[in-house]
C-alpha atoms as a PDB file:
ATOM      1  CA  MET A   1      45.211  68.274 188.476  1.00  0.00           C
ATOM      2  CA  VAL A   2      45.748  69.594 185.440  1.00  0.00           C
ATOM      3  CA  TYR A   3      48.702  67.214 184.568  1.00  0.00           C
ATOM      4  CA  LEU A   4      46.354  64.451 185.527  1.00  0.00           C
ATOM      5  CA  THR A   5      43.796  65.682 183.139  1.00  0.00           C
ATOM      6  CA  PHE A   6      46.152  65.811 180.034  1.00  0.00           C
ATOM      7  CA  PHE A   7      47.390  62.065 181.358  1.00  0.00           C
ATOM      8  CA  PHE A   8      43.784  61.142 181.125  1.00  0.00           C
ATOM      9  CA  LEU A   9      43.368  63.071 177.667  1.00  0.00           C
ATOM     10  CA  LEU A  10      46.348  61.528 175.912  1.00  0.00           C
ATOM     11  CA  VAL A  11      46.222  57.877 177.407  1.00  0.00           C
ATOM     12  CA  VAL A  12      42.287  57.173 177.345  1.00  0.00           C
ATOM     13  CA  LEU A  13      40.715  59.175 174.921  1.00  0.00           C
ATOM     14  CA  MET A  14      42.901  59.030 171.620  1.00  0.00           C
ATOM     15  CA  ASN A  15      41.773  56.559 169.227  1.00  0.00           C
ATOM     16  CA  GLN A  16      44.165  57.142 166.111  1.00  0.00           C
ATOM     17  CA  CYS A  17      44.720  55.189 162.826  1.00  0.00           C
ATOM     18  CA  ALA A  18      46.944  55.922 159.730  1.00  0.00           C
ATOM     19  CA  ILE A  19      47.253  54.700 156.403  1.00  0.00           C
ATOM     20  CA  CYS A  20      50.565  53.331 155.735  1.00  0.00           C
ATOM     21  CA  SER A  21      50.738  52.095 152.241  1.00  0.00           C
ATOM     22  CA  LEU A  22      50.260  54.784 150.237  1.00  0.00           C
ATOM     23  CA  GLU A  23      51.398  58.208 149.839  1.00  0.00           C
ATOM     24  CA  ASP A  24      49.389  61.023 150.677  1.00  0.00           C
ATOM     25  CA  VAL A  25      48.663  61.648 147.227  1.00  0.00           C
ATOM     26  CA  SER A  26      49.136  58.854 145.384  1.00  0.00           C
ATOM     27  CA  SER A  27      48.185  57.665 142.009  1.00  0.00           C
ATOM     28  CA  ALA A  28      46.628  54.740 140.222  1.00  0.00           C
ATOM     29  CA  GLU A  29      44.738  53.479 137.428  1.00  0.00           C
ATOM     30  CA  TRP A  30      40.727  53.207 137.271  1.00  0.00           C
ATOM     31  CA  GLY A  31      39.148  50.363 138.452  1.00  0.00           C
ATOM     32  CA  LYS A  32      42.553  48.377 139.720  1.00  0.00           C
ATOM     33  CA  LYS A  33      42.834  46.797 143.154  1.00  0.00           C
ATOM     34  CA  VAL A  34      45.225  48.185 145.946  1.00  0.00           C
ATOM     35  CA  ILE A  35      45.979  47.037 149.497  1.00  0.00           C
ATOM     36  CA  ILE A  36      45.479  49.601 152.177  1.00  0.00           C
ATOM     37  CA  ARG A  37      47.611  48.955 154.978  1.00  0.00           C
ATOM     38  CA  GLY A  38      47.824  50.779 158.193  1.00  0.00           C
ATOM     39  CA  TYR A  39      47.612  50.900 162.007  1.00  0.00           C
ATOM     40  CA  ALA A  40      45.387  51.717 164.850  1.00  0.00           C
ATOM     41  CA  LEU A  41      45.586  51.835 168.639  1.00  0.00           C
ATOM     42  CA  SER A  42      43.660  53.287 171.356  1.00  0.00           C
ATOM     43  CA  GLY A  43      44.484  54.345 174.716  1.00  0.00           C
ATOM     44  CA  GLY A  44      43.411  53.219 177.915  1.00  0.00           C
ATOM     45  CA  GLY A  45      43.908  49.635 177.520  1.00  0.00           C
ATOM     46  CA  ARG A  46      41.261  49.013 175.346  1.00  0.00           C
ATOM     47  CA  GLY A  47      41.118  47.188 172.156  1.00  0.00           C
ATOM     48  CA  ILE A  48      39.938  48.092 168.768  1.00  0.00           C
ATOM     49  CA  GLU A  49      36.834  47.073 167.677  1.00  0.00           C
ATOM     50  CA  ARG A  50      36.920  47.895 164.074  1.00  0.00           C
ATOM     51  CA  VAL A  51      38.634  49.682 161.559  1.00  0.00           C
ATOM     52  CA  ASP A  52      36.507  51.442 158.720  1.00  0.00           C
ATOM     53  CA  ALA A  53      37.919  52.352 155.400  1.00  0.00           C
ATOM     54  CA  SER A  54      36.099  54.250 152.587  1.00  0.00           C
ATOM     55  CA  VAL A  55      37.642  54.745 149.022  1.00  0.00           C
ATOM     56  CA  ASP A  56      34.526  56.594 147.341  1.00  0.00           C
ATOM     57  CA  GLY A  57      35.340  59.595 150.317  1.00  0.00           C
ATOM     58  CA  GLY A  58      33.048  58.913 153.213  1.00  0.00           C
ATOM     59  CA  LYS A  59      29.989  57.816 150.928  1.00  0.00           C
ATOM     60  CA  THR A  60      30.176  54.121 151.945  1.00  0.00           C
ATOM     61  CA  TRP A  61      32.246  52.258 154.373  1.00  0.00           C
ATOM     62  CA  VAL A  62      33.850  48.689 154.632  1.00  0.00           C
ATOM     63  CA  GLU A  63      35.177  46.880 157.450  1.00  0.00           C
ATOM     64  CA  ALA A  64      39.383  46.262 157.269  1.00  0.00           C
ATOM     65  CA  ARG A  65      40.890  42.993 158.823  1.00  0.00           C
ATOM     66  CA  ARG A  66      42.623  43.441 162.008  1.00  0.00           C
ATOM     67  CA  TYR A  67      45.733  41.584 163.275  1.00  0.00           C
ATOM     68  CA  GLN A  68      48.886  42.027 165.441  1.00  0.00           C
ATOM     69  CA  LYS A  69      50.575  38.536 164.614  1.00  0.00           C
ATOM     70  CA  GLU A  70      49.859  37.316 160.996  1.00  0.00           C
ATOM     71  CA  GLY A  71      47.725  34.347 161.070  1.00  0.00           C
ATOM     72  CA  VAL A  72      46.173  35.303 164.348  1.00  0.00           C
ATOM     73  CA  PRO A  73      43.019  36.780 164.595  1.00  0.00           C
ATOM     74  CA  TYR A  74      42.706  39.838 166.341  1.00  0.00           C
ATOM     75  CA  VAL A  75      39.445  40.097 168.737  1.00  0.00           C
ATOM     76  CA  ALA A  76      39.436  43.403 170.578  1.00  0.00           C
ATOM     77  CA  ASP A  77      38.179  42.089 174.125  1.00  0.00           C
ATOM     78  CA  SER A  78      40.463  38.841 174.165  1.00  0.00           C
ATOM     79  CA  GLU A  79      43.114  38.143 176.685  1.00  0.00           C
ATOM     80  CA  ASP A  80      45.249  37.087 173.680  1.00  0.00           C
ATOM     81  CA  CYS A  81      45.537  40.266 172.110  1.00  0.00           C
ATOM     82  CA  ASP A  82      47.538  43.424 173.329  1.00  0.00           C
ATOM     83  CA  LYS A  83      45.528  46.510 173.864  1.00  0.00           C
ATOM     84  CA  TRP A  84      48.280  48.489 174.361  1.00  0.00           C
ATOM     85  CA  ALA A  85      50.038  47.742 171.257  1.00  0.00           C
ATOM     86  CA  TRP A  86      49.132  48.812 167.754  1.00  0.00           C
ATOM     87  CA  VAL A  87      46.814  46.843 165.746  1.00  0.00           C
ATOM     88  CA  PHE A  88      47.498  46.668 161.771  1.00  0.00           C
ATOM     89  CA  PHE A  89      44.513  46.703 159.288  1.00  0.00           C
ATOM     90  CA  GLU A  90      44.355  45.327 155.851  1.00  0.00           C
ATOM     91  CA  LEU A  91      42.034  46.119 153.095  1.00  0.00           C
ATOM     92  CA  GLU A  92      42.444  44.590 149.275  1.00  0.00           C
ATOM     93  CA  THR A  93      39.704  46.576 147.259  1.00  0.00           C
ATOM     94  CA  GLU A  94      39.356  48.626 144.121  1.00  0.00           C
ATOM     95  CA  ILE A  95      39.527  52.388 143.322  1.00  0.00           C
ATOM     96  CA  ARG A  96      37.834  54.384 141.071  1.00  0.00           C
ATOM     97  CA  PRO A  97      40.084  57.716 140.880  1.00  0.00           C
ATOM     98  CA  PRO A  98      40.013  60.078 141.526  1.00  0.00           C
ATOM     99  CA  THR A  99      38.826  59.819 145.134  1.00  0.00           C
ATOM    100  CA  ASP A 100      39.909  59.904 148.528  1.00  0.00           C
ATOM    101  CA  ILE A 101      40.498  56.631 150.868  1.00  0.00           C
ATOM    102  CA  ILE A 102      39.514  57.396 154.749  1.00  0.00           C
ATOM    103  CA  VAL A 103      39.960  55.454 157.513  1.00  0.00           C
ATOM    104  CA  LYS A 104      38.666  55.889 160.754  1.00  0.00           C
ATOM    105  CA  ALA A 105      39.020  53.561 164.022  1.00  0.00           C
ATOM    106  CA  VAL A 106      36.561  52.494 166.925  1.00  0.00           C
ATOM    107  CA  ASP A 107      37.467  50.927 170.194  1.00  0.00           C
ATOM    108  CA  SER A 108      35.716  48.744 172.426  1.00  0.00           C
ATOM    109  CA  ALA A 109      34.149  51.404 174.402  1.00  0.00           C
ATOM    110  CA  ALA A 110      32.948  52.894 171.073  1.00  0.00           C
ATOM    111  CA  ASN A 111      34.920  56.060 171.222  1.00  0.00           C
ATOM    112  CA  ALA A 112      35.331  57.009 167.466  1.00  0.00           C
ATOM    113  CA  GLN A 113      38.006  59.195 165.693  1.00  0.00           C
ATOM    114  CA  PRO A 114      36.474  62.997 164.775  1.00  0.00           C
ATOM    115  CA  GLU A 115      35.903  63.176 161.362  1.00  0.00           C
ATOM    116  CA  LYS A 116      37.455  66.718 160.790  1.00  0.00           C
ATOM    117  CA  VAL A 117      40.560  68.317 162.423  1.00  0.00           C
ATOM    118  CA  GLU A 118      38.491  71.772 162.840  1.00  0.00           C
ATOM    119  CA  THR A 119      36.310  70.331 165.277  1.00  0.00           C
ATOM    120  CA  ILE A 120      39.827  69.361 167.385  1.00  0.00           C
ATOM    121  CA  TRP A 121      41.590  72.257 166.266  1.00  0.00           C
ATOM    122  CA  ASN A 122      44.142  74.045 168.401  1.00  0.00           C
ATOM    123  CA  LEU A 123      47.164  76.564 167.877  1.00  0.00           C
ATOM    124  CA  ARG A 124      49.594  74.121 168.255  1.00  0.00           C
ATOM    125  CA  GLY A 125      48.139  71.164 166.289  1.00  0.00           C
ATOM    126  CA  VAL A 126      48.561  68.713 169.022  1.00  0.00           C
ATOM    127  CA  LEU A 127      46.400  65.793 169.693  1.00  0.00           C
ATOM    128  CA  ASN A 128      44.655  65.902 165.969  1.00  0.00           C
ATOM    129  CA  ASN A 129      43.070  62.238 165.666  1.00  0.00           C
ATOM    130  CA  SER A 130      40.637  62.806 162.888  1.00  0.00           C
ATOM    131  CA  TRP A 131      39.933  60.756 160.245  1.00  0.00           C
ATOM    132  CA  HIS A 132      43.019  59.871 157.965  1.00  0.00           C
ATOM    133  CA  VAL A 133      42.830  60.935 154.231  1.00  0.00           C
ATOM    134  CA  VAL A 134      44.720  60.244 151.358  1.00  0.00           C
ATOM    135  CA  HIS A 135      44.176  61.664 147.686  1.00  0.00           C
ATOM    136  CA  VAL A 136      44.258  59.390 145.240  1.00  0.00           C
ATOM    137  CA  ASN A 137      44.623  60.994 141.646  1.00  0.00           C
ATOM    138  CA  ASN A 138      44.076  58.790 137.877  1.00  0.00           C
ATOM    139  CA  ALA A 139      46.901  58.098 136.496  1.00  0.00           C
ATOM    140  CA  THR A 140      46.216  58.263 132.676  1.00  0.00           C
ATOM    141  CA  LYS A 141      50.127  57.381 132.204  1.00  0.00           C
ATOM    142  CA  ARG A 142      52.785  54.863 133.510  1.00  0.00           C
ATOM    143  CA  ILE A 143      55.531  56.590 135.532  1.00  0.00           C
ATOM    144  CA  THR A 144      58.803  54.739 134.565  1.00  0.00           C
ATOM    145  CA  SER A 145      62.571  55.763 135.568  1.00  0.00           C
ATOM    146  CA  ASN A 146      65.768  54.854 133.924  1.00  0.00           C
ATOM    147  CA  LEU A 147      67.448  54.555 137.137  1.00  0.00           C
END
């Protein structure tokens, strides 16, 4: 019974999403546009209903564009979309550093990611599916390389 419960938690309840196009501490110029890309997935064969992104530390939210194949719209409850696979997301937006860029996923059963890791903390740190946050600093000068 314990194994069945653990399997249920892993497969059914875990919405996750992550930003893959920016490093954990990125630098950007004030007012410049950036493209935020990443992935989202949900367990239990449910589709990702939306991915919300915030570029002001969570004060306002915008829905990111979702897709699995380029040029094919993703619809969470469609038979044409694979619900057991990653859903990619993309958002082009203007940022005003210093700020935090945050993403969170919501599946077709309205399950959402928890806001903070403290609410789901455990000793081993497993099953952490809290909001993904990328800290963006103000780039006051360009970084160049001679390589």
